[in-house]
Amino acid sequence: MRKSPALPPWRGRTAFLLRAAVRRPFALALGLCLGLSLPACDLGAGDEAGDLLRVTHVADEGLDVAPRSDRERFAEAATHVGLTAYAPDGRIVPGLATSWRVLDDGRTYVFKLREAYWPDDRQILAGDVVAVLRRQVAPGGSSPWRRYLRDIEGAVAVAANRAPARMLRVDDPRPDTVTIELSQQNPNLLAILAQPSLAIIRSRDNPPPPSGAYVARYEDGELRALTPNPDYYGRDERDELETLLLEPETETEAAIAAFEADATDLVLGGSTGGLFRVRTDELAPALRLAESWGIYGYLARTAAPSPLADPRVRQALAMSIDRQTIIGGVFALSGMQPAFGPLPPTLPAAYAGAVPDWAVWTQADRIAEARRLLAEAGYGPETPLRIDAALPRGEAHRRLLAAIADQWAPLGIRVRGFRRSAAGHRQAIEDGEFDLAAVERISPVPVADYFLRPFRCEVRLGGFCDPDADALMSEADAALDLGTRIEKARRAARVLADDAPLIPVFSPVHWILVRPGITGVEANVPGMHPPRYLDDGR
């Protein structure tokens, strides 16, 4: 039984909104500001403002096919707990589950749950976990990761509305035990279950009560802060959780400037866009870098009237880039790896080889073949190929394209870059207003499908559709064993690499800025920064 006394029913919601406000001298004022939305409240004013840990997330630059919010994901991870969770270094660690066993050659997972409670004093039970996973797999599930639960037995039929949700093989044989049966091995299951959008949320309440380390605080309907949740199961594991002030998501340059001006303590979510700006002597003590499961390159407009509708032109552009020179000369970062196909080179070794034949040629041989392909397509120094490239605003994107354009110039290729806001860049891609468009896709889980799916015929990203690649991706989806799925995905990636709807350049790096003294946050490959470990060191 729970040690703390149960609250009367009429007090439950009020209690979980207010009790977190008494943890620090400044927290009461924070609770009044955010809970009551008083216009006169200034969260940054007063001598006690230093009690807050200020967190800034870099805003989405419009480089991915869908908008993303690292700030929203951070808040989800703070307020709701999943079966599994991330450690500061990116490892998967227990969440609501204290432990798990893997049986039947990786096809059965048995999770043992800890004793944890909702703010109204109701225990979080295995049935709550079952309900969440059934709801997410069923039609209408909201998690972007629901697709990657398809290896659960019965998931394909449930997701297609061909079977009721109860047919999903997620069960609760005991109140503290959850079993998940898979149709095939999925080495990424624990990481997928750690995604904040798959957290255990009691959906019948609006807003749902917190089960994680923090309570969300709002001002005028906008999320502004995270205060410690007194009902969190891990509240006794540390002396005190920090109160986190969440600054609005900010463009890269402004986020870095805020850190330099001591207007924020952490900047999270940085990638290629700010690499030049953060690599200064002044910021060196605060800068943390890590590889990613990601790809940076240029989406080709494969529909007429773009000249890149000709696959020979796309192939020539892709093979003529000297990636090692670009990485060494433009970025000088050892953590960056050259990319030659649609899959990040940082994915597991099973996907190796999903690159075109020219990837192992000398640069001289690549240039010679590129000249031949361009000449066949009717282009050369006397008849230049003119390309319009869409870019976000970041200086790194401009410098990178300029360096690549210098390499292309001797082949008779002329490039014009057009820089836009994040929304403008994404809109340009949607409207097809480009020949090339800078894109960057980064995943917290090493899943090949995450990088291949944008090139499905049903998506027609950049106007692209290759029936052979599409068929292989469908076969990978339907495969009943892991080896076949990997092989089909690798072959699909090879077809895409040859057809070159994407001109890949490198696998990007994550960067974060951390005020000296703060602990519990590290740059890591998944790019996940669990809030509950943060400590301001004061």
Protein backbone atom coordinates (compact mmCIF):
# COMPACT_ATOMS: atom_id res chain seq x y z
CA MET A 1 0.00 0.00 0.00
CA ARG A 2 1.02 3.57 -0.54
CA LYS A 3 2.59 5.24 2.48
CA SER A 4 1.10 8.71 2.03
CA PRO A 5 -2.56 9.20 3.05
CA ALA A 6 -5.16 9.29 0.31
CA LEU A 7 -6.61 12.66 -0.60
CA PRO A 8 -10.35 13.21 -0.46
CA PRO A 9 -11.77 13.03 -3.98
CA TRP A 10 -12.60 16.74 -4.07
CA ARG A 11 -8.99 17.62 -3.27
CA GLY A 12 -7.19 15.42 -5.78
CA ARG A 13 -6.88 17.74 -8.80
CA THR A 14 -6.31 20.87 -6.69
CA ALA A 15 -3.61 19.09 -4.75
CA PHE A 16 -1.56 17.97 -7.72
CA LEU A 17 -1.74 21.47 -9.21
CA LEU A 18 -0.63 23.22 -6.04
CA ARG A 19 1.57 20.95 -3.95
CA ALA A 20 4.50 21.26 -6.34
CA ALA A 21 4.51 25.00 -5.73
CA VAL A 22 5.89 24.77 -2.19
CA ARG A 23 9.18 23.06 -2.96
CA ARG A 24 11.29 26.25 -3.26
CA PRO A 25 11.02 29.89 -2.15
CA PHE A 26 10.43 31.03 -5.71
CA ALA A 27 8.11 28.17 -6.61
CA LEU A 28 5.06 29.65 -4.88
CA ALA A 29 5.33 32.81 -6.95
CA LEU A 30 5.81 30.65 -10.03
CA GLY A 31 2.72 28.65 -9.20
CA LEU A 32 0.67 31.81 -8.78
CA CYS A 33 1.97 33.27 -12.04
CA LEU A 34 1.36 30.15 -14.07
CA GLY A 35 -1.64 28.69 -12.32
CA LEU A 36 -3.56 31.98 -12.25
CA SER A 37 -2.15 33.46 -15.49
CA LEU A 38 -1.68 36.88 -13.89
CA PRO A 39 -0.49 39.42 -16.47
CA ALA A 40 1.63 41.23 -13.89
CA CYS A 41 3.77 38.20 -13.15
CA ASP A 42 7.37 38.37 -14.38
CA LEU A 43 8.96 34.94 -14.21
CA GLY A 44 12.43 36.29 -14.80
CA ALA A 45 12.37 39.04 -12.21
CA GLY A 46 13.47 39.12 -8.61
CA ASP A 47 16.42 37.88 -6.62
CA GLU A 48 15.01 34.36 -6.47
CA ALA A 49 14.86 33.87 -10.26
CA GLY A 50 18.14 32.00 -10.02
CA ASP A 51 16.23 29.10 -8.44
CA LEU A 52 14.93 28.26 -11.89
CA LEU A 53 16.81 26.24 -14.48
CA ARG A 54 16.10 27.93 -17.81
CA VAL A 55 15.83 25.62 -20.82
CA THR A 56 15.76 26.73 -24.47
CA HIS A 57 15.07 24.41 -27.40
CA VAL A 58 16.26 25.19 -30.91
CA ALA A 59 13.26 25.64 -33.19
CA ASP A 60 12.56 23.36 -36.12
CA GLU A 61 14.26 24.74 -39.26
CA GLY A 62 11.80 23.19 -41.69
CA LEU A 63 14.33 20.56 -42.81
CA ASP A 64 12.21 17.49 -42.06
CA VAL A 65 9.13 16.33 -43.92
CA ALA A 66 6.91 17.08 -40.91
CA PRO A 67 7.18 19.79 -38.24
CA ARG A 68 8.67 18.68 -34.95
CA SER A 69 8.89 20.20 -31.49
CA ASP A 70 11.73 19.08 -29.25
CA ARG A 71 10.28 21.33 -26.52
CA GLU A 72 6.98 19.46 -26.64
CA ARG A 73 8.76 16.11 -26.56
CA PHE A 74 10.86 17.30 -23.58
CA ALA A 75 7.69 18.29 -21.71
CA GLU A 76 6.00 14.97 -22.51
CA ALA A 77 9.01 13.10 -21.13
CA ALA A 78 8.91 15.27 -18.01
CA THR A 79 5.23 14.88 -17.18
CA HIS A 80 4.41 11.31 -18.24
CA VAL A 81 6.33 8.09 -17.71
CA GLY A 82 6.75 5.26 -20.20
CA LEU A 83 7.44 1.59 -19.64
CA THR A 84 11.08 2.36 -20.41
CA ALA A 85 13.02 5.62 -20.35
CA TYR A 86 16.26 7.29 -21.37
CA ALA A 87 19.31 7.96 -19.21
CA PRO A 88 21.31 11.17 -19.79
CA ASP A 89 23.80 9.30 -21.96
CA GLY A 90 21.06 7.90 -24.21
CA ARG A 91 20.92 4.39 -22.75
CA ILE A 92 17.54 2.72 -22.19
CA VAL A 93 16.77 2.36 -18.49
CA PRO A 94 13.72 1.38 -16.42
CA GLY A 95 10.72 3.68 -16.41
CA LEU A 96 7.41 2.48 -15.05
CA ALA A 97 8.87 -1.00 -15.52
CA THR A 98 11.55 -1.79 -12.96
CA SER A 99 12.82 -4.71 -15.02
CA TRP A 100 12.03 -6.91 -18.01
CA ARG A 101 12.77 -10.36 -19.31
CA VAL A 102 13.12 -11.32 -22.96
CA LEU A 103 11.91 -14.83 -23.82
CA ASP A 104 11.18 -16.99 -26.89
CA ASP A 105 14.21 -15.82 -28.87
CA GLY A 106 13.24 -12.17 -28.50
CA ARG A 107 9.53 -12.60 -29.26
CA THR A 108 8.13 -12.19 -25.74
CA TYR A 109 8.81 -9.38 -23.27
CA VAL A 110 7.69 -9.55 -19.64
CA PHE A 111 7.75 -6.23 -17.77
CA LYS A 112 7.58 -5.95 -13.99
CA LEU A 113 6.00 -2.65 -12.90
CA ARG A 114 6.99 -0.51 -9.94
CA GLU A 115 4.56 0.90 -7.40
CA ALA A 116 3.48 4.25 -8.79
CA TYR A 117 0.40 6.42 -8.41
CA TRP A 118 -1.65 9.03 -10.21
CA PRO A 119 -2.17 12.30 -8.32
CA ASP A 120 -5.67 11.15 -7.23
CA ASP A 121 -3.98 8.30 -5.35
CA ARG A 122 -5.02 5.57 -7.81
CA GLN A 123 -2.22 3.13 -8.51
CA ILE A 124 -0.86 2.89 -12.07
CA LEU A 125 -1.48 -0.71 -13.03
CA ALA A 126 -0.63 -3.05 -15.89
CA GLY A 127 -4.12 -2.50 -17.27
CA ASP A 128 -3.27 1.17 -17.83
CA VAL A 129 -0.27 0.16 -19.94
CA VAL A 130 -2.36 -2.29 -21.97
CA ALA A 131 -5.00 0.40 -22.58
CA VAL A 132 -2.42 2.91 -23.84
CA LEU A 133 -0.76 0.50 -26.27
CA ARG A 134 -4.09 -0.73 -27.60
CA ARG A 135 -5.25 2.87 -28.08
CA GLN A 136 -2.07 3.85 -29.91
CA VAL A 137 -2.08 0.86 -32.27
CA ALA A 138 -5.78 1.16 -33.09
CA PRO A 139 -6.96 3.52 -35.87
CA GLY A 140 -6.74 7.07 -34.60
CA GLY A 141 -3.61 6.49 -32.49
CA SER A 142 -1.71 9.76 -32.20
CA SER A 143 1.90 8.69 -31.64
CA PRO A 144 4.22 9.08 -34.63
CA TRP A 145 5.81 5.85 -33.37
CA ARG A 146 2.65 3.74 -33.52
CA ARG A 147 3.77 2.40 -36.91
CA TYR A 148 6.80 0.82 -35.24
CA LEU A 149 4.62 -1.21 -32.89
CA ARG A 150 3.44 -3.32 -35.84
CA ASP A 151 5.64 -6.24 -34.74
CA ILE A 152 3.35 -6.82 -31.77
CA GLU A 153 1.22 -9.87 -32.56
CA GLY A 154 -2.11 -8.71 -33.93
CA ALA A 155 -0.98 -5.10 -34.50
CA VAL A 156 -1.29 -5.11 -38.29
CA ALA A 157 -4.92 -6.29 -38.17
CA VAL A 158 -5.82 -3.92 -35.31
CA ALA A 159 -4.20 -0.91 -37.02
CA ALA A 160 -6.11 -1.71 -40.24
CA ASN A 161 -9.38 -1.98 -38.28
CA ARG A 162 -9.67 -5.65 -39.24
CA ALA A 163 -9.61 -6.79 -35.62
CA PRO A 164 -10.67 -5.26 -32.28
CA ALA A 165 -7.99 -3.70 -30.08
CA ARG A 166 -8.30 -6.53 -27.57
CA MET A 167 -6.67 -8.84 -30.14
CA LEU A 168 -3.37 -6.99 -29.71
CA ARG A 169 -1.08 -9.33 -27.79
CA VAL A 170 -0.36 -6.97 -24.94
CA ASP A 171 -1.70 -8.43 -21.71
CA ASP A 172 -1.78 -7.86 -17.95
CA PRO A 173 -1.64 -11.32 -16.29
CA ARG A 174 -1.05 -9.59 -12.95
CA PRO A 175 -1.65 -5.98 -11.83
CA ASP A 176 2.11 -5.43 -11.79
CA THR A 177 3.03 -7.41 -14.92
CA VAL A 178 2.74 -6.59 -18.62
CA THR A 179 3.51 -9.08 -21.39
CA ILE A 180 4.10 -8.16 -25.03
CA GLU A 181 4.22 -10.91 -27.67
CA LEU A 182 5.85 -10.12 -31.02
CA SER A 183 5.36 -11.72 -34.40
CA GLN A 184 9.10 -11.32 -35.00
CA GLN A 185 12.15 -9.96 -33.18
CA ASN A 186 12.40 -6.20 -32.83
CA PRO A 187 15.72 -5.11 -31.28
CA ASN A 188 14.40 -1.55 -31.03
CA LEU A 189 11.28 -2.30 -29.00
CA LEU A 190 12.63 -0.98 -25.68
CA ALA A 191 13.74 2.29 -27.33
CA ILE A 192 10.39 2.67 -29.10
CA LEU A 193 8.53 2.21 -25.81
CA ALA A 194 10.71 4.98 -24.32
CA GLN A 195 9.40 7.56 -26.81
CA PRO A 196 7.45 10.25 -24.91
CA SER A 197 4.46 9.98 -27.24
CA LEU A 198 3.99 6.38 -26.02
CA ALA A 199 3.98 7.33 -22.34
CA ILE A 200 1.33 5.92 -20.01
CA ILE A 201 -1.39 8.56 -20.09
CA ARG A 202 -4.86 8.35 -18.54
CA SER A 203 -6.80 9.65 -21.49
CA ARG A 204 -10.20 9.97 -19.86
CA ASP A 205 -9.02 13.08 -18.00
CA ASN A 206 -8.46 16.39 -19.78
CA PRO A 207 -5.77 17.38 -19.15
CA PRO A 208 -4.41 13.96 -18.21
CA PRO A 209 -2.84 13.86 -14.74
CA PRO A 210 0.96 13.67 -14.61
CA SER A 211 2.70 10.37 -13.95
CA GLY A 212 6.22 11.67 -14.52
CA ALA A 213 8.67 13.70 -12.48
CA TYR A 214 7.07 17.06 -13.31
CA VAL A 215 3.80 18.95 -13.49
CA ALA A 216 3.26 21.24 -16.47
CA ARG A 217 2.47 24.91 -15.69
CA TYR A 218 0.67 27.16 -18.15
CA GLU A 219 0.30 30.88 -18.61
CA ASP A 220 -2.42 32.17 -20.93
CA GLY A 221 -2.79 28.68 -22.30
CA GLU A 222 0.94 28.37 -23.13
CA LEU A 223 3.28 25.90 -21.46
CA ARG A 224 5.81 27.91 -19.48
CA ALA A 225 7.37 25.77 -16.76
CA LEU A 226 7.76 22.33 -15.20
CA THR A 227 7.58 22.02 -11.43
CA PRO A 228 8.35 18.86 -9.39
CA ASN A 229 5.50 16.36 -9.14
CA PRO A 230 5.14 15.34 -5.46
CA ASP A 231 3.39 12.12 -6.54
CA TYR A 232 6.24 10.95 -8.77
CA TYR A 233 7.46 7.47 -7.84
CA GLY A 234 11.10 8.59 -7.90
CA ARG A 235 10.67 11.67 -5.72
CA ASP A 236 12.81 10.14 -2.94
CA GLU A 237 15.69 9.20 -5.24
CA ARG A 238 17.13 12.75 -5.15
CA ASP A 239 17.11 15.55 -2.62
CA GLU A 240 15.18 17.86 -4.90
CA LEU A 241 14.20 18.15 -8.54
CA GLU A 242 14.87 21.40 -10.32
CA THR A 243 12.09 23.75 -11.36
CA LEU A 244 12.43 24.20 -15.11
CA LEU A 245 11.45 27.34 -16.97
CA LEU A 246 10.78 26.43 -20.61
CA GLU A 247 11.67 29.28 -22.90
CA PRO A 248 9.84 29.46 -26.23
CA GLU A 249 11.41 27.49 -29.05
CA THR A 250 13.90 29.83 -30.67
CA GLU A 251 15.73 30.02 -33.99
CA THR A 252 19.30 28.75 -33.76
CA GLU A 253 21.09 32.11 -33.82
CA ALA A 254 18.79 33.62 -31.20
CA ALA A 255 19.09 30.57 -28.93
CA ILE A 256 22.89 30.77 -29.00
CA ALA A 257 22.79 34.53 -28.40
CA ALA A 258 20.54 33.99 -25.38
CA PHE A 259 23.04 31.53 -23.92
CA GLU A 260 25.91 33.96 -24.50
CA ALA A 261 23.92 36.69 -22.73
CA ASP A 262 23.25 34.40 -19.74
CA ALA A 263 19.53 34.51 -20.54
CA THR A 264 19.26 30.71 -20.57
CA ASP A 265 21.11 27.83 -18.89
CA LEU A 266 20.63 25.07 -21.48
CA VAL A 267 20.22 25.05 -25.23
CA LEU A 268 18.98 21.69 -26.52
CA GLY A 269 18.22 20.30 -29.97
CA GLY A 270 20.99 21.83 -32.05
CA SER A 271 22.15 20.21 -35.29
CA THR A 272 23.75 21.36 -38.55
CA GLY A 273 22.22 24.83 -38.62
CA GLY A 274 24.24 26.26 -35.73
CA LEU A 275 27.54 24.43 -36.05
CA PHE A 276 29.62 27.44 -37.05
CA ARG A 277 28.05 29.68 -34.44
CA VAL A 278 28.62 27.36 -31.46
CA ARG A 279 32.20 26.37 -32.21
CA THR A 280 33.96 29.34 -30.65
CA ASP A 281 36.56 29.55 -27.91
CA GLU A 282 34.04 31.30 -25.67
CA LEU A 283 31.44 28.56 -25.99
CA ALA A 284 33.88 25.62 -25.97
CA PRO A 285 33.44 24.86 -22.22
CA ALA A 286 29.66 24.64 -22.68
CA LEU A 287 29.51 22.78 -26.00
CA ARG A 288 28.66 19.08 -26.15
CA LEU A 289 28.62 17.12 -29.44
CA ALA A 290 27.41 13.63 -30.39
CA GLU A 291 26.82 11.61 -33.54
CA SER A 292 23.25 10.99 -34.65
CA TRP A 293 21.11 8.49 -36.48
CA GLY A 294 20.48 11.03 -39.19
CA ILE A 295 21.07 12.14 -42.75
CA TYR A 296 21.71 15.58 -44.24
CA GLY A 297 21.46 16.18 -47.96
CA TYR A 298 19.44 17.71 -50.75
CA LEU A 299 16.04 16.56 -51.89
CA ALA A 300 15.81 16.54 -55.69
CA ARG A 301 12.74 17.74 -57.52
CA THR A 302 12.23 14.69 -59.71
CA ALA A 303 9.23 16.04 -61.66
CA ALA A 304 9.36 18.18 -64.80
CA PRO A 305 10.18 20.94 -65.56
CA SER A 306 13.09 20.61 -63.13
CA PRO A 307 16.29 19.45 -64.86
CA LEU A 308 16.64 16.99 -61.99
CA ALA A 309 13.74 15.00 -63.41
CA ASP A 310 16.52 13.33 -65.42
CA PRO A 311 18.09 10.61 -63.22
CA ARG A 312 21.44 11.05 -65.00
CA VAL A 313 21.62 14.61 -63.66
CA ARG A 314 20.79 13.48 -60.12
CA GLN A 315 23.41 10.73 -60.27
CA ALA A 316 26.05 13.16 -61.57
CA LEU A 317 25.34 15.62 -58.77
CA ALA A 318 25.49 12.91 -56.12
CA MET A 319 28.70 11.24 -57.26
CA SER A 320 30.67 14.43 -57.91
CA ILE A 321 30.59 15.72 -54.31
CA ASP A 322 33.88 15.15 -52.50
CA ARG A 323 32.31 14.49 -49.10
CA GLN A 324 35.53 14.04 -47.14
CA THR A 325 36.77 17.43 -48.34
CA ILE A 326 33.44 19.03 -47.46
CA ILE A 327 33.39 17.54 -43.97
CA GLY A 328 37.04 18.32 -43.29
CA GLY A 329 37.12 21.75 -44.93
CA VAL A 330 33.74 23.14 -43.97
CA PHE A 331 33.09 21.55 -40.57
CA ALA A 332 36.36 19.91 -39.45
CA LEU A 333 34.42 17.50 -37.23
CA SER A 334 35.59 13.95 -36.66
CA GLY A 335 32.11 12.83 -35.62
CA MET A 336 30.62 13.49 -39.04
CA GLN A 337 30.54 10.59 -41.46
CA PRO A 338 30.04 10.90 -45.23
CA ALA A 339 26.72 9.55 -46.51
CA PHE A 340 26.27 7.99 -49.96
CA GLY A 341 22.73 6.61 -49.75
CA PRO A 342 19.40 7.36 -48.05
CA LEU A 343 20.33 5.51 -44.85
CA PRO A 344 22.62 7.06 -42.24
CA PRO A 345 26.05 5.41 -42.10
CA THR A 346 25.59 5.33 -38.32
CA LEU A 347 22.81 2.70 -38.52
CA PRO A 348 23.68 -0.89 -37.47
CA ALA A 349 26.16 -2.72 -39.67
CA ALA A 350 23.41 -5.00 -41.03
CA TYR A 351 22.42 -2.14 -43.35
CA ALA A 352 25.93 -1.68 -44.75
CA GLY A 353 26.17 -1.81 -48.52
CA ALA A 354 23.01 0.19 -49.21
CA VAL A 355 25.04 2.61 -51.35
CA PRO A 356 25.70 2.98 -55.10
CA ASP A 357 28.68 1.32 -56.78
CA TRP A 358 30.47 4.65 -57.24
CA ALA A 359 30.78 5.08 -53.46
CA VAL A 360 34.03 3.07 -53.57
CA TRP A 361 35.45 4.76 -56.67
CA THR A 362 38.23 7.34 -56.57
CA GLN A 363 37.13 10.95 -56.76
CA ALA A 364 38.75 11.29 -60.19
CA ASP A 365 36.69 8.36 -61.52
CA ARG A 366 33.51 9.85 -60.06
CA ILE A 367 34.16 13.21 -61.72
CA ALA A 368 34.82 11.54 -65.07
CA GLU A 369 31.56 9.59 -64.89
CA ALA A 370 29.65 12.69 -63.76
CA ARG A 371 30.95 14.58 -66.81
CA ARG A 372 29.81 11.78 -69.08
CA LEU A 373 26.32 11.63 -67.53
CA LEU A 374 25.89 15.40 -67.73
CA ALA A 375 27.04 15.44 -71.35
CA GLU A 376 24.49 12.72 -72.17
CA ALA A 377 21.82 14.87 -70.56
CA GLY A 378 22.95 17.89 -72.62
CA TYR A 379 24.92 19.82 -70.00
CA GLY A 380 28.53 20.96 -69.68
CA PRO A 381 30.71 24.07 -69.33
CA GLU A 382 29.35 25.48 -72.60
CA THR A 383 25.74 24.59 -71.79
CA PRO A 384 25.51 25.06 -68.01
CA LEU A 385 23.08 23.26 -65.78
CA ARG A 386 21.27 25.90 -63.68
CA ILE A 387 19.84 24.81 -60.33
CA ASP A 388 17.77 26.66 -57.72
CA ALA A 389 18.34 25.40 -54.19
CA ALA A 390 16.02 26.02 -51.23
CA LEU A 391 17.72 26.56 -47.86
CA PRO A 392 16.79 27.50 -44.29
CA ARG A 393 18.30 30.67 -42.86
CA GLY A 394 21.19 29.15 -40.90
CA GLU A 395 24.69 30.21 -41.95
CA ALA A 396 25.92 26.61 -42.00
CA HIS A 397 23.43 25.75 -44.73
CA ARG A 398 24.66 28.64 -46.87
CA ARG A 399 28.35 27.82 -46.41
CA LEU A 400 27.81 24.14 -47.07
CA LEU A 401 25.97 24.75 -50.34
CA ALA A 402 28.61 27.28 -51.41
CA ALA A 403 31.37 24.69 -50.87
CA ILE A 404 29.48 22.06 -52.85
CA ALA A 405 28.69 24.57 -55.61
CA ASP A 406 32.42 25.27 -55.90
CA GLN A 407 33.00 21.56 -56.51
CA TRP A 408 30.24 21.45 -59.11
CA ALA A 409 31.29 24.60 -60.98
CA PRO A 410 33.99 22.94 -63.20
CA LEU A 411 31.29 20.56 -64.46
CA GLY A 412 29.21 23.47 -65.75
CA ILE A 413 26.76 23.47 -62.84
CA ARG A 414 25.51 26.84 -61.58
CA VAL A 415 23.63 27.02 -58.29
CA ARG A 416 21.45 29.76 -56.82
CA GLY A 417 20.47 29.47 -53.16
CA PHE A 418 17.25 30.89 -51.71
CA ARG A 419 17.09 31.15 -47.92
CA ARG A 420 13.73 31.13 -46.14
CA SER A 421 12.18 30.85 -42.69
CA ALA A 422 11.39 27.37 -41.37
CA ALA A 423 7.76 27.64 -42.47
CA GLY A 424 8.79 29.12 -45.81
CA HIS A 425 11.33 26.36 -46.45
CA ARG A 426 8.85 23.61 -45.69
CA GLN A 427 6.24 25.32 -47.85
CA ALA A 428 8.70 25.59 -50.74
CA ILE A 429 9.25 21.83 -50.54
CA GLU A 430 5.53 21.16 -50.38
CA ASP A 431 4.88 23.44 -53.37
CA GLY A 432 7.78 22.04 -55.42
CA GLU A 433 9.51 25.43 -55.64
CA PHE A 434 13.04 24.04 -55.87
CA ASP A 435 15.40 21.90 -57.88
CA LEU A 436 17.30 20.97 -54.74
CA ALA A 437 16.11 21.52 -51.16
CA ALA A 438 18.19 21.06 -48.02
CA VAL A 439 16.76 18.33 -45.80
CA GLU A 440 17.86 16.81 -42.51
CA ARG A 441 16.16 13.84 -40.88
CA ILE A 442 17.27 12.58 -37.47
CA SER A 443 15.75 9.67 -35.54
CA PRO A 444 16.02 8.82 -31.82
CA VAL A 445 15.86 5.12 -32.80
CA PRO A 446 18.02 3.34 -35.44
CA VAL A 447 15.11 2.33 -37.69
CA ALA A 448 15.75 2.14 -41.46
CA ASP A 449 12.08 2.61 -42.32
CA TYR A 450 12.17 6.07 -40.72
CA PHE A 451 14.48 7.22 -43.53
CA LEU A 452 12.98 5.20 -46.38
CA ARG A 453 9.31 5.92 -45.82
CA PRO A 454 9.37 9.53 -47.16
CA PHE A 455 10.22 8.02 -50.56
CA ARG A 456 7.16 5.79 -50.76
CA CYS A 457 5.04 6.37 -53.87
CA GLU A 458 2.08 7.32 -51.68
CA VAL A 459 4.11 10.26 -50.34
CA ARG A 460 5.70 11.43 -53.63
CA LEU A 461 8.21 13.62 -51.84
CA GLY A 462 9.74 15.89 -54.46
CA GLY A 463 7.48 14.15 -56.99
CA PHE A 464 9.44 10.90 -56.62
CA CYS A 465 8.06 7.38 -57.10
CA ASP A 466 10.06 4.24 -57.90
CA PRO A 467 7.82 1.14 -58.09
CA ASP A 468 10.75 -1.23 -57.50
CA ALA A 469 11.82 0.55 -54.31
CA ASP A 470 8.19 0.81 -53.22
CA ALA A 471 7.64 -2.93 -53.68
CA LEU A 472 10.75 -3.73 -51.64
CA MET A 473 9.61 -1.44 -48.82
CA SER A 474 6.20 -3.15 -48.81
CA GLU A 475 7.92 -6.54 -48.67
CA ALA A 476 10.02 -5.33 -45.75
CA ASP A 477 6.86 -4.27 -43.93
CA ALA A 478 5.26 -7.67 -44.49
CA ALA A 479 8.36 -9.74 -43.63
CA LEU A 480 7.84 -12.16 -40.75
CA ASP A 481 11.47 -12.38 -39.68
CA LEU A 482 14.00 -9.71 -38.84
CA GLY A 483 16.65 -10.85 -41.29
CA THR A 484 14.29 -10.68 -44.25
CA ARG A 485 13.05 -7.24 -43.18
CA ILE A 486 16.59 -5.88 -42.99
CA GLU A 487 17.54 -7.39 -46.35
CA LYS A 488 14.45 -5.95 -48.10
CA ALA A 489 15.04 -2.54 -46.53
CA ARG A 490 18.70 -2.61 -47.54
CA ARG A 491 17.77 -3.49 -51.13
CA ALA A 492 15.18 -0.72 -51.23
CA ALA A 493 17.81 1.72 -49.97
CA ARG A 494 20.18 0.55 -52.71
CA VAL A 495 17.54 1.21 -55.40
CA LEU A 496 16.97 4.69 -53.95
CA ALA A 497 20.71 5.34 -53.80
CA ASP A 498 21.00 4.57 -57.52
CA ASP A 499 17.93 6.63 -58.46
CA ALA A 500 19.11 9.53 -56.25
CA PRO A 501 15.92 11.34 -55.22
CA LEU A 502 18.12 12.45 -52.32
CA ILE A 503 21.65 13.79 -52.76
CA PRO A 504 23.11 12.66 -49.40
CA VAL A 505 26.12 14.45 -47.96
CA PHE A 506 26.76 13.39 -44.34
CA SER A 507 25.31 12.13 -41.08
CA PRO A 508 24.84 15.21 -38.89
CA VAL A 509 25.83 15.70 -35.26
CA HIS A 510 23.77 16.82 -32.29
CA TRP A 511 24.98 19.77 -30.24
CA ILE A 512 23.82 21.22 -26.93
CA LEU A 513 25.04 24.09 -24.75
CA VAL A 514 25.24 23.50 -20.99
CA ARG A 515 26.08 26.15 -18.39
CA PRO A 516 29.12 24.97 -16.38
CA GLY A 517 28.02 23.33 -13.16
CA ILE A 518 24.85 21.75 -14.53
CA THR A 519 24.84 17.96 -14.44
CA GLY A 520 22.48 15.24 -15.65
CA VAL A 521 22.55 16.21 -19.32
CA GLU A 522 24.81 14.90 -22.07
CA ALA A 523 24.90 15.00 -25.84
CA ASN A 524 23.95 11.51 -27.00
CA VAL A 525 23.17 9.65 -30.22
CA PRO A 526 19.36 9.45 -29.72
CA GLY A 527 19.28 13.18 -28.93
CA MET A 528 17.11 12.61 -25.85
CA HIS A 529 17.54 14.66 -22.67
CA PRO A 530 15.36 13.37 -19.81
CA PRO A 531 14.50 16.29 -17.50
CA ARG A 532 14.40 14.33 -14.26
CA TYR A 533 18.21 14.05 -14.09
CA LEU A 534 18.91 17.77 -14.41
CA ASP A 535 20.76 19.37 -11.49
CA ASP A 536 21.84 23.01 -11.50
CA GLY A 537 24.78 22.26 -9.20
CA ARG A 538 23.96 25.08 -6.82
